[in-house]
Amino acid sequence: MDSFIFKGLPTRVIFGRGKLAVLGEEVERLGLTRVAVLTTPQQRATGQEIAGQLGPALCAGHLDTATMHTPL
């Protein structure tokens, strides 16, 4: 494997039961005005729930055709 340097962006993880309820607040805290929800087909229902919770003012749309990364 070739050597490399990776500099990641600062990360904030919000984890726990019921944390989807604060998603809208987090979007606003980040200063975002619109977000897209991306899920796999298997997570479609969760994505629809998230998009509905955010509402049309914040959610630009829900795309449920993502695929899991497959290593080469």
PDB file of N, CA and C in Angstrom:
ATOM      1  N   MET A   1       0.841  -1.168   0.000  1.00  0.00           N
ATOM      2  CA  MET A   1       0.000   0.000   0.000  1.00  0.00           C
ATOM      3  C   MET A   1       0.892   1.238   0.000  1.00  0.00           C
ATOM      4  N   ASP A   2       0.526   2.222  -0.803  1.00  0.00           N
ATOM      5  CA  ASP A   2       1.259   3.484  -0.836  1.00  0.00           C
ATOM      6  C   ASP A   2       1.046   4.238   0.470  1.00  0.00           C
ATOM      7  N   SER A   3       2.084   4.956   0.899  1.00  0.00           N
ATOM      8  CA  SER A   3       1.924   5.751   2.113  1.00  0.00           C
ATOM      9  C   SER A   3       1.133   7.019   1.795  1.00  0.00           C
ATOM     10  N   PHE A   4       0.477   7.566   2.806  1.00  0.00           N
ATOM     11  CA  PHE A   4      -0.316   8.780   2.613  1.00  0.00           C
ATOM     12  C   PHE A   4      -0.532   9.466   3.946  1.00  0.00           C
ATOM     13  N   ILE A   5      -0.990  10.693   3.873  1.00  0.00           N
ATOM     14  CA  ILE A   5      -1.385  11.457   5.053  1.00  0.00           C
ATOM     15  C   ILE A   5      -2.840  11.835   4.867  1.00  0.00           C
ATOM     16  N   PHE A   6      -3.643  11.610   5.883  1.00  0.00           N
ATOM     17  CA  PHE A   6      -5.061  11.960   5.838  1.00  0.00           C
ATOM     18  C   PHE A   6      -5.354  12.971   6.930  1.00  0.00           C
ATOM     19  N   LYS A   7      -5.927  14.093   6.543  1.00  0.00           N
ATOM     20  CA  LYS A   7      -6.356  15.100   7.518  1.00  0.00           C
ATOM     21  C   LYS A   7      -7.867  15.153   7.456  1.00  0.00           C
ATOM     22  N   GLY A   8      -8.531  14.645   8.472  1.00  0.00           N
ATOM     23  CA  GLY A   8      -9.985  14.621   8.504  1.00  0.00           C
ATOM     24  C   GLY A   8     -10.552  15.923   9.046  1.00  0.00           C
ATOM     25  N   LEU A   9     -11.770  16.174   8.663  1.00  0.00           N
ATOM     26  CA  LEU A   9     -12.476  17.332   9.188  1.00  0.00           C
ATOM     27  C   LEU A   9     -12.876  17.071  10.636  1.00  0.00           C
ATOM     28  N   PRO A  10     -13.068  18.119  11.418  1.00  0.00           N
ATOM     29  CA  PRO A  10     -13.567  17.894  12.778  1.00  0.00           C
ATOM     30  C   PRO A  10     -14.880  17.109  12.730  1.00  0.00           C
ATOM     31  N   THR A  11     -15.040  16.198  13.647  1.00  0.00           N
ATOM     32  CA  THR A  11     -16.200  15.315  13.648  1.00  0.00           C
ATOM     33  C   THR A  11     -17.040  15.547  14.894  1.00  0.00           C
ATOM     34  N   ARG A  12     -18.346  15.502  14.703  1.00  0.00           N
ATOM     35  CA  ARG A  12     -19.280  15.592  15.831  1.00  0.00           C
ATOM     36  C   ARG A  12     -20.246  14.426  15.661  1.00  0.00           C
ATOM     37  N   VAL A  13     -20.308  13.552  16.626  1.00  0.00           N
ATOM     38  CA  VAL A  13     -21.198  12.396  16.583  1.00  0.00           C
ATOM     39  C   VAL A  13     -22.258  12.577  17.661  1.00  0.00           C
ATOM     40  N   ILE A  14     -23.516  12.477  17.252  1.00  0.00           N
ATOM     41  CA  ILE A  14     -24.633  12.524  18.198  1.00  0.00           C
ATOM     42  C   ILE A  14     -25.284  11.156  18.119  1.00  0.00           C
ATOM     43  N   PHE A  15     -25.221  10.405  19.193  1.00  0.00           N
ATOM     44  CA  PHE A  15     -25.654   9.015  19.166  1.00  0.00           C
ATOM     45  C   PHE A  15     -26.556   8.724  20.345  1.00  0.00           C
ATOM     46  N   GLY A  16     -27.571   7.920  20.127  1.00  0.00           N
ATOM     47  CA  GLY A  16     -28.410   7.464  21.223  1.00  0.00           C
ATOM     48  C   GLY A  16     -29.871   7.405  20.844  1.00  0.00           C
ATOM     49  N   ARG A  17     -30.612   6.726  21.674  1.00  0.00           N
ATOM     50  CA  ARG A  17     -32.052   6.582  21.450  1.00  0.00           C
ATOM     51  C   ARG A  17     -32.713   7.957  21.384  1.00  0.00           C
ATOM     52  N   GLY A  18     -33.541   8.151  20.359  1.00  0.00           N
ATOM     53  CA  GLY A  18     -34.298   9.387  20.223  1.00  0.00           C
ATOM     54  C   GLY A  18     -33.535  10.564  19.638  1.00  0.00           C
ATOM     55  N   LYS A  19     -32.305  10.354  19.197  1.00  0.00           N
ATOM     56  CA  LYS A  19     -31.499  11.472  18.707  1.00  0.00           C
ATOM     57  C   LYS A  19     -31.966  12.004  17.353  1.00  0.00           C
ATOM     58  N   LEU A  20     -32.760  11.241  16.617  1.00  0.00           N
ATOM     59  CA  LEU A  20     -33.317  11.782  15.374  1.00  0.00           C
ATOM     60  C   LEU A  20     -34.203  12.985  15.658  1.00  0.00           C
ATOM     61  N   ALA A  21     -34.736  13.057  16.858  1.00  0.00           N
ATOM     62  CA  ALA A  21     -35.619  14.164  17.220  1.00  0.00           C
ATOM     63  C   ALA A  21     -34.893  15.506  17.229  1.00  0.00           C
ATOM     64  N   VAL A  22     -33.570  15.500  17.373  1.00  0.00           N
ATOM     65  CA  VAL A  22     -32.822  16.759  17.396  1.00  0.00           C
ATOM     66  C   VAL A  22     -32.117  17.042  16.069  1.00  0.00           C
ATOM     67  N   LEU A  23     -32.435  16.273  15.046  1.00  0.00           N
ATOM     68  CA  LEU A  23     -31.771  16.444  13.756  1.00  0.00           C
ATOM     69  C   LEU A  23     -32.000  17.837  13.175  1.00  0.00           C
ATOM     70  N   GLY A  24     -33.221  18.328  13.216  1.00  0.00           N
ATOM     71  CA  GLY A  24     -33.509  19.663  12.697  1.00  0.00           C
ATOM     72  C   GLY A  24     -32.701  20.739  13.408  1.00  0.00           C
ATOM     73  N   GLU A  25     -32.572  20.606  14.720  1.00  0.00           N
ATOM     74  CA  GLU A  25     -31.774  21.558  15.500  1.00  0.00           C
ATOM     75  C   GLU A  25     -30.311  21.511  15.072  1.00  0.00           C
ATOM     76  N   GLU A  26     -29.813  20.309  14.802  1.00  0.00           N
ATOM     77  CA  GLU A  26     -28.416  20.160  14.390  1.00  0.00           C
ATOM     78  C   GLU A  26     -28.194  20.766  13.009  1.00  0.00           C
ATOM     79  N   VAL A  27     -29.141  20.580  12.114  1.00  0.00           N
ATOM     80  CA  VAL A  27     -29.048  21.177  10.777  1.00  0.00           C
ATOM     81  C   VAL A  27     -28.957  22.697  10.908  1.00  0.00           C
ATOM     82  N   GLU A  28     -29.797  23.267  11.741  1.00  0.00           N
ATOM     83  CA  GLU A  28     -29.781  24.715  11.943  1.00  0.00           C
ATOM     84  C   GLU A  28     -28.498  25.173  12.634  1.00  0.00           C
ATOM     85  N   ARG A  29     -27.993  24.381  13.593  1.00  0.00           N
ATOM     86  CA  ARG A  29     -26.747  24.728  14.287  1.00  0.00           C
ATOM     87  C   ARG A  29     -25.588  24.822  13.300  1.00  0.00           C
ATOM     88  N   LEU A  30     -25.611  23.967  12.289  1.00  0.00           N
ATOM     89  CA  LEU A  30     -24.560  23.973  11.275  1.00  0.00           C
ATOM     90  C   LEU A  30     -24.733  25.100  10.264  1.00  0.00           C
ATOM     91  N   GLY A  31     -25.852  25.803  10.345  1.00  0.00           N
ATOM     92  CA  GLY A  31     -26.096  26.904   9.422  1.00  0.00           C
ATOM     93  C   GLY A  31     -26.551  26.459   8.046  1.00  0.00           C
ATOM     94  N   LEU A  32     -27.065  25.235   7.963  1.00  0.00           N
ATOM     95  CA  LEU A  32     -27.526  24.721   6.675  1.00  0.00           C
ATOM     96  C   LEU A  32     -28.951  25.186   6.419  1.00  0.00           C
ATOM     97  N   THR A  33     -29.275  25.379   5.159  1.00  0.00           N
ATOM     98  CA  THR A  33     -30.637  25.785   4.821  1.00  0.00           C
ATOM     99  C   THR A  33     -31.413  24.665   4.158  1.00  0.00           C
ATOM    100  N   ARG A  34     -30.723  23.734   3.506  1.00  0.00           N
ATOM    101  CA  ARG A  34     -31.369  22.587   2.860  1.00  0.00           C
ATOM    102  C   ARG A  34     -30.435  21.391   2.975  1.00  0.00           C
ATOM    103  N   VAL A  35     -30.991  20.211   3.160  1.00  0.00           N
ATOM    104  CA  VAL A  35     -30.198  18.988   3.217  1.00  0.00           C
ATOM    105  C   VAL A  35     -30.850  17.923   2.350  1.00  0.00           C
ATOM    106  N   ALA A  36     -30.040  16.981   1.906  1.00  0.00           N
ATOM    107  CA  ALA A  36     -30.540  15.825   1.167  1.00  0.00           C
ATOM    108  C   ALA A  36     -30.375  14.599   2.055  1.00  0.00           C
ATOM    109  N   VAL A  37     -31.340  13.713   2.023  1.00  0.00           N
ATOM    110  CA  VAL A  37     -31.292  12.471   2.789  1.00  0.00           C
ATOM    111  C   VAL A  37     -30.940  11.361   1.811  1.00  0.00           C
ATOM    112  N   LEU A  38     -29.880  10.619   2.101  1.00  0.00           N
ATOM    113  CA  LEU A  38     -29.402   9.555   1.224  1.00  0.00           C
ATOM    114  C   LEU A  38     -29.413   8.243   1.994  1.00  0.00           C
ATOM    115  N   THR A  39     -30.102   7.227   1.446  1.00  0.00           N
ATOM    116  CA  THR A  39     -30.160   5.910   2.084  1.00  0.00           C
ATOM    117  C   THR A  39     -30.021   4.816   1.038  1.00  0.00           C
ATOM    118  N   THR A  40     -29.814   3.601   1.525  1.00  0.00           N
ATOM    119  CA  THR A  40     -29.899   2.431   0.657  1.00  0.00           C
ATOM    120  C   THR A  40     -31.379   2.074   0.514  1.00  0.00           C
ATOM    121  N   PRO A  41     -31.724   1.227  -0.463  1.00  0.00           N
ATOM    122  CA  PRO A  41     -33.122   0.809  -0.577  1.00  0.00           C
ATOM    123  C   PRO A  41     -33.634   0.126   0.698  1.00  0.00           C
ATOM    124  N   GLN A  42     -32.752  -0.590   1.400  1.00  0.00           N
ATOM    125  CA  GLN A  42     -33.154  -1.288   2.616  1.00  0.00           C
ATOM    126  C   GLN A  42     -33.500  -0.319   3.748  1.00  0.00           C
ATOM    127  N   GLN A  43     -32.970   0.886   3.705  1.00  0.00           N
ATOM    128  CA  GLN A  43     -33.219   1.889   4.743  1.00  0.00           C
ATOM    129  C   GLN A  43     -34.215   2.959   4.286  1.00  0.00           C
ATOM    130  N   ARG A  44     -34.954   2.653   3.239  1.00  0.00           N
ATOM    131  CA  ARG A  44     -35.911   3.600   2.651  1.00  0.00           C
ATOM    132  C   ARG A  44     -36.868   4.178   3.696  1.00  0.00           C
ATOM    133  N   ALA A  45     -37.455   3.313   4.518  1.00  0.00           N
ATOM    134  CA  ALA A  45     -38.447   3.773   5.501  1.00  0.00           C
ATOM    135  C   ALA A  45     -37.833   4.762   6.489  1.00  0.00           C
ATOM    136  N   THR A  46     -36.614   4.484   6.930  1.00  0.00           N
ATOM    137  CA  THR A  46     -35.941   5.402   7.851  1.00  0.00           C
ATOM    138  C   THR A  46     -35.669   6.734   7.166  1.00  0.00           C
ATOM    139  N   GLY A  47     -35.234   6.687   5.923  1.00  0.00           N
ATOM    140  CA  GLY A  47     -34.990   7.918   5.169  1.00  0.00           C
ATOM    141  C   GLY A  47     -36.248   8.736   4.985  1.00  0.00           C
ATOM    142  N   GLN A  48     -37.356   8.053   4.715  1.00  0.00           N
ATOM    143  CA  GLN A  48     -38.631   8.758   4.567  1.00  0.00           C
ATOM    144  C   GLN A  48     -39.047   9.399   5.891  1.00  0.00           C
ATOM    145  N   GLU A  49     -38.799   8.695   6.981  1.00  0.00           N
ATOM    146  CA  GLU A  49     -39.114   9.242   8.306  1.00  0.00           C
ATOM    147  C   GLU A  49     -38.290  10.501   8.577  1.00  0.00           C
ATOM    148  N   ILE A  50     -37.005  10.433   8.261  1.00  0.00           N
ATOM    149  CA  ILE A  50     -36.123  11.583   8.474  1.00  0.00           C
ATOM    150  C   ILE A  50     -36.550  12.757   7.599  1.00  0.00           C
ATOM    151  N   ALA A  51     -36.813  12.487   6.321  1.00  0.00           N
ATOM    152  CA  ALA A  51     -37.240  13.549   5.406  1.00  0.00           C
ATOM    153  C   ALA A  51     -38.539  14.185   5.888  1.00  0.00           C
ATOM    154  N   GLY A  52     -39.465  13.365   6.355  1.00  0.00           N
ATOM    155  CA  GLY A  52     -40.727  13.888   6.862  1.00  0.00           C
ATOM    156  C   GLY A  52     -40.552  14.720   8.112  1.00  0.00           C
ATOM    157  N   GLN A  53     -39.650  14.275   8.982  1.00  0.00           N
ATOM    158  CA  GLN A  53     -39.384  15.011  10.219  1.00  0.00           C
ATOM    159  C   GLN A  53     -38.771  16.375   9.914  1.00  0.00           C
ATOM    160  N   LEU A  54     -37.859  16.424   8.947  1.00  0.00           N
ATOM    161  CA  LEU A  54     -37.236  17.694   8.585  1.00  0.00           C
ATOM    162  C   LEU A  54     -38.225  18.622   7.889  1.00  0.00           C
ATOM    163  N   GLY A  55     -39.139  18.037   7.132  1.00  0.00           N
ATOM    164  CA  GLY A  55     -40.133  18.826   6.417  1.00  0.00           C
ATOM    165  C   GLY A  55     -39.572  19.433   5.142  1.00  0.00           C
ATOM    166  N   PRO A  56     -40.455  19.900   4.270  1.00  0.00           N
ATOM    167  CA  PRO A  56     -40.022  20.412   2.967  1.00  0.00           C
ATOM    168  C   PRO A  56     -39.179  21.685   3.046  1.00  0.00           C
ATOM    169  N   ALA A  57     -39.259  22.406   4.141  1.00  0.00           N
ATOM    170  CA  ALA A  57     -38.453  23.624   4.266  1.00  0.00           C
ATOM    171  C   ALA A  57     -36.964  23.307   4.405  1.00  0.00           C
ATOM    172  N   LEU A  58     -36.630  22.194   5.073  1.00  0.00           N
ATOM    173  CA  LEU A  58     -35.227  21.816   5.268  1.00  0.00           C
ATOM    174  C   LEU A  58     -34.773  20.692   4.346  1.00  0.00           C
ATOM    175  N   CYS A  59     -35.651  19.757   4.027  1.00  0.00           N
ATOM    176  CA  CYS A  59     -35.255  18.585   3.244  1.00  0.00           C
ATOM    177  C   CYS A  59     -35.448  18.846   1.750  1.00  0.00           C
ATOM    178  N   ALA A  60     -34.348  18.838   1.021  1.00  0.00           N
ATOM    179  CA  ALA A  60     -34.397  19.050  -0.424  1.00  0.00           C
ATOM    180  C   ALA A  60     -34.876  17.801  -1.149  1.00  0.00           C
ATOM    181  N   GLY A  61     -34.781  16.651  -0.507  1.00  0.00           N
ATOM    182  CA  GLY A  61     -35.228  15.412  -1.120  1.00  0.00           C
ATOM    183  C   GLY A  61     -34.622  14.198  -0.450  1.00  0.00           C
ATOM    184  N   HIS A  62     -35.136  13.040  -0.840  1.00  0.00           N
ATOM    185  CA  HIS A  62     -34.670  11.764  -0.295  1.00  0.00           C
ATOM    186  C   HIS A  62     -34.329  10.856  -1.468  1.00  0.00           C
ATOM    187  N   LEU A  63     -33.084  10.445  -1.554  1.00  0.00           N
ATOM    188  CA  LEU A  63     -32.620   9.521  -2.583  1.00  0.00           C
ATOM    189  C   LEU A  63     -32.339   8.189  -1.907  1.00  0.00           C
ATOM    190  N   ASP A  64     -33.029   7.143  -2.341  1.00  0.00           N
ATOM    191  CA  ASP A  64     -32.896   5.840  -1.674  1.00  0.00           C
ATOM    192  C   ASP A  64     -32.252   4.785  -2.575  1.00  0.00           C
ATOM    193  N   THR A  65     -31.288   5.202  -3.378  1.00  0.00           N
ATOM    194  CA  THR A  65     -30.642   4.265  -4.300  1.00  0.00           C
ATOM    195  C   THR A  65     -29.145   4.100  -4.026  1.00  0.00           C
ATOM    196  N   ALA A  66     -28.689   4.494  -2.852  1.00  0.00           N
ATOM    197  CA  ALA A  66     -27.272   4.331  -2.515  1.00  0.00           C
ATOM    198  C   ALA A  66     -26.949   2.842  -2.397  1.00  0.00           C
ATOM    199  N   THR A  67     -25.712   2.492  -2.665  1.00  0.00           N
ATOM    200  CA  THR A  67     -25.265   1.108  -2.504  1.00  0.00           C
ATOM    201  C   THR A  67     -24.082   1.085  -1.541  1.00  0.00           C
ATOM    202  N   MET A  68     -23.937  -0.019  -0.856  1.00  0.00           N
ATOM    203  CA  MET A  68     -22.822  -0.182   0.066  1.00  0.00           C
ATOM    204  C   MET A  68     -21.526  -0.224  -0.728  1.00  0.00           C
ATOM    205  N   HIS A  69     -20.459   0.306  -0.145  1.00  0.00           N
ATOM    206  CA  HIS A  69     -19.143   0.286  -0.783  1.00  0.00           C
ATOM    207  C   HIS A  69     -18.633  -1.154  -0.821  1.00  0.00           C
ATOM    208  N   THR A  70     -18.180  -1.563  -1.980  1.00  0.00           N
ATOM    209  CA  THR A  70     -17.613  -2.898  -2.137  1.00  0.00           C
ATOM    210  C   THR A  70     -16.130  -2.752  -2.458  1.00  0.00           C
ATOM    211  N   PRO A  71     -15.252  -3.282  -1.614  1.00  0.00           N
ATOM    212  CA  PRO A  71     -13.813  -3.163  -1.893  1.00  0.00           C
ATOM    213  C   PRO A  71     -13.444  -3.838  -3.206  1.00  0.00           C
ATOM    214  N   LEU A  72     -12.407  -3.320  -3.836  1.00  0.00           N
ATOM    215  CA  LEU A  72     -11.933  -3.916  -5.095  1.00  0.00           C
ATOM    216  C   LEU A  72     -11.233  -5.213  -4.841  1.00  0.00           C
TER     217      LEU A  72
END
